[in-house]
Protein backbone atom coordinates (compact mmCIF):
# COMPACT_ATOMS: atom_id res chain seq x y z
CA MET A 1 -11.56 9.71 -2.62
CA PHE A 2 -10.68 7.73 -5.69
CA VAL A 3 -9.22 8.39 -9.12
CA GLY A 4 -11.68 8.91 -11.97
CA ASP A 5 -11.51 7.64 -15.55
CA GLU A 6 -9.10 10.29 -16.80
CA GLY A 7 -6.92 10.49 -13.71
CA HIS A 8 -9.00 13.18 -11.99
CA VAL A 9 -9.45 12.79 -8.25
CA VAL A 10 -13.11 12.39 -7.38
CA SER A 11 -14.34 13.14 -3.89
CA VAL A 12 -17.47 11.48 -2.61
CA CYS A 13 -19.02 13.31 0.33
CA LEU A 14 -20.95 10.92 2.50
CA PRO A 15 -21.59 11.32 6.21
CA SER A 16 -19.38 9.35 8.58
CA SER A 17 -22.38 7.14 9.24
CA TYR A 18 -21.36 5.24 6.06
CA PRO A 19 -18.25 3.15 6.84
CA GLU A 20 -16.18 1.94 3.90
CA ILE A 21 -15.42 -1.76 3.41
CA PRO A 22 -12.55 -2.01 0.87
CA LEU A 23 -12.43 -5.13 -1.32
CA CYS A 24 -9.83 -6.22 -3.84
CA GLY A 25 -8.95 -8.97 -6.28
CA SER A 26 -10.97 -12.14 -6.62
CA PHE A 27 -12.68 -11.52 -3.26
CA ALA A 28 -14.17 -8.32 -4.67
CA ARG A 29 -15.44 -10.11 -7.79
CA SER A 30 -16.95 -13.06 -5.94
CA ALA A 31 -18.50 -10.88 -3.20
CA THR A 32 -20.32 -8.64 -5.66
CA LYS A 33 -21.10 -10.77 -8.73
CA ARG A 34 -24.71 -11.37 -7.68
CA VAL A 35 -25.25 -7.69 -6.83
CA ILE A 36 -23.68 -5.70 -9.65
CA HIS A 37 -22.32 -6.41 -13.11
CA LEU A 38 -18.71 -5.26 -12.73
CA ALA A 39 -18.22 -5.01 -16.48
CA ARG A 40 -20.77 -2.17 -16.46
CA LEU A 41 -19.11 -0.39 -13.52
CA GLY A 42 -15.75 0.81 -14.77
CA PRO A 43 -12.88 2.15 -12.68
CA GLY A 44 -13.69 5.60 -11.31
CA GLN A 45 -17.44 4.94 -11.28
CA ALA A 46 -19.93 4.45 -8.47
CA THR A 47 -23.45 3.11 -8.12
CA ARG A 48 -26.09 2.58 -5.48
CA THR A 49 -27.61 -0.87 -5.10
CA VAL A 50 -29.06 -3.31 -2.56
CA LEU A 51 -27.02 -6.03 -0.88
CA ASP A 52 -28.98 -8.49 1.23
CA HIS A 53 -31.83 -5.99 1.74
CA MET A 54 -29.44 -3.15 2.70
CA GLY A 55 -28.87 -0.08 0.58
CA VAL A 56 -25.18 0.37 -0.28
CA PHE A 57 -22.90 2.50 -2.43
CA VAL A 58 -20.32 0.65 -4.54
CA LEU A 59 -17.25 2.66 -5.60
CA ARG A 60 -14.85 1.10 -8.09
CA SER A 61 -11.44 2.74 -7.85
CA ALA A 62 -9.54 0.31 -10.10
CA HIS A 63 -10.12 -2.83 -12.14
CA ASP A 64 -9.44 -5.04 -9.12
CA ARG A 65 -10.44 -2.69 -6.27
CA LEU A 66 -13.77 -1.47 -5.01
CA ALA A 67 -15.34 -0.27 -1.80
CA ILE A 68 -18.79 -0.88 -0.39
CA LEU A 69 -20.29 1.78 1.83
CA GLY A 70 -23.30 1.00 3.96
CA ALA A 71 -25.04 2.31 7.05
CA ARG A 72 -22.89 2.13 10.17
CA SER A 73 -25.79 0.67 12.14
CA ALA A 74 -25.82 -2.33 9.80
CA ALA A 75 -22.03 -2.79 9.47
CA GLY A 76 -22.03 -6.26 11.06
CA SER A 77 -24.88 -7.48 8.86
CA LEU A 78 -23.23 -5.91 5.82
CA TRP A 79 -19.92 -7.69 6.47
CA HIS A 80 -21.80 -10.95 7.00
CA ALA A 81 -23.56 -10.51 3.64
CA ILE A 82 -20.29 -9.64 1.83
CA SER A 83 -18.29 -12.51 3.28
CA GLY A 84 -21.17 -14.95 2.71
CA ALA A 85 -21.50 -13.88 -0.92
CA ALA A 86 -17.74 -14.30 -1.41
CA ALA A 87 -17.81 -17.78 0.11
CA ARG A 88 -20.62 -18.82 -2.24
CA GLY A 89 -18.50 -17.43 -5.05
């Protein structure tokens, strides 16, 4: 769950086969800048995109916080892609 634009709590129902990887601060910005344009994804919004050939959901709960949800079977590859993207900055 996360808080929407006007303070409403929004619940996203995804099966447990989609683990959540929370990101915050500059790590969140550098890890996602090649994947999504954060200025277009405001707090309380979500989108579906591709990260390193894997389909993911990106949920932005606050200006400096977001979560990436991807298939559990690809969790290791997803983390590798996120940390690699952040290192390239």
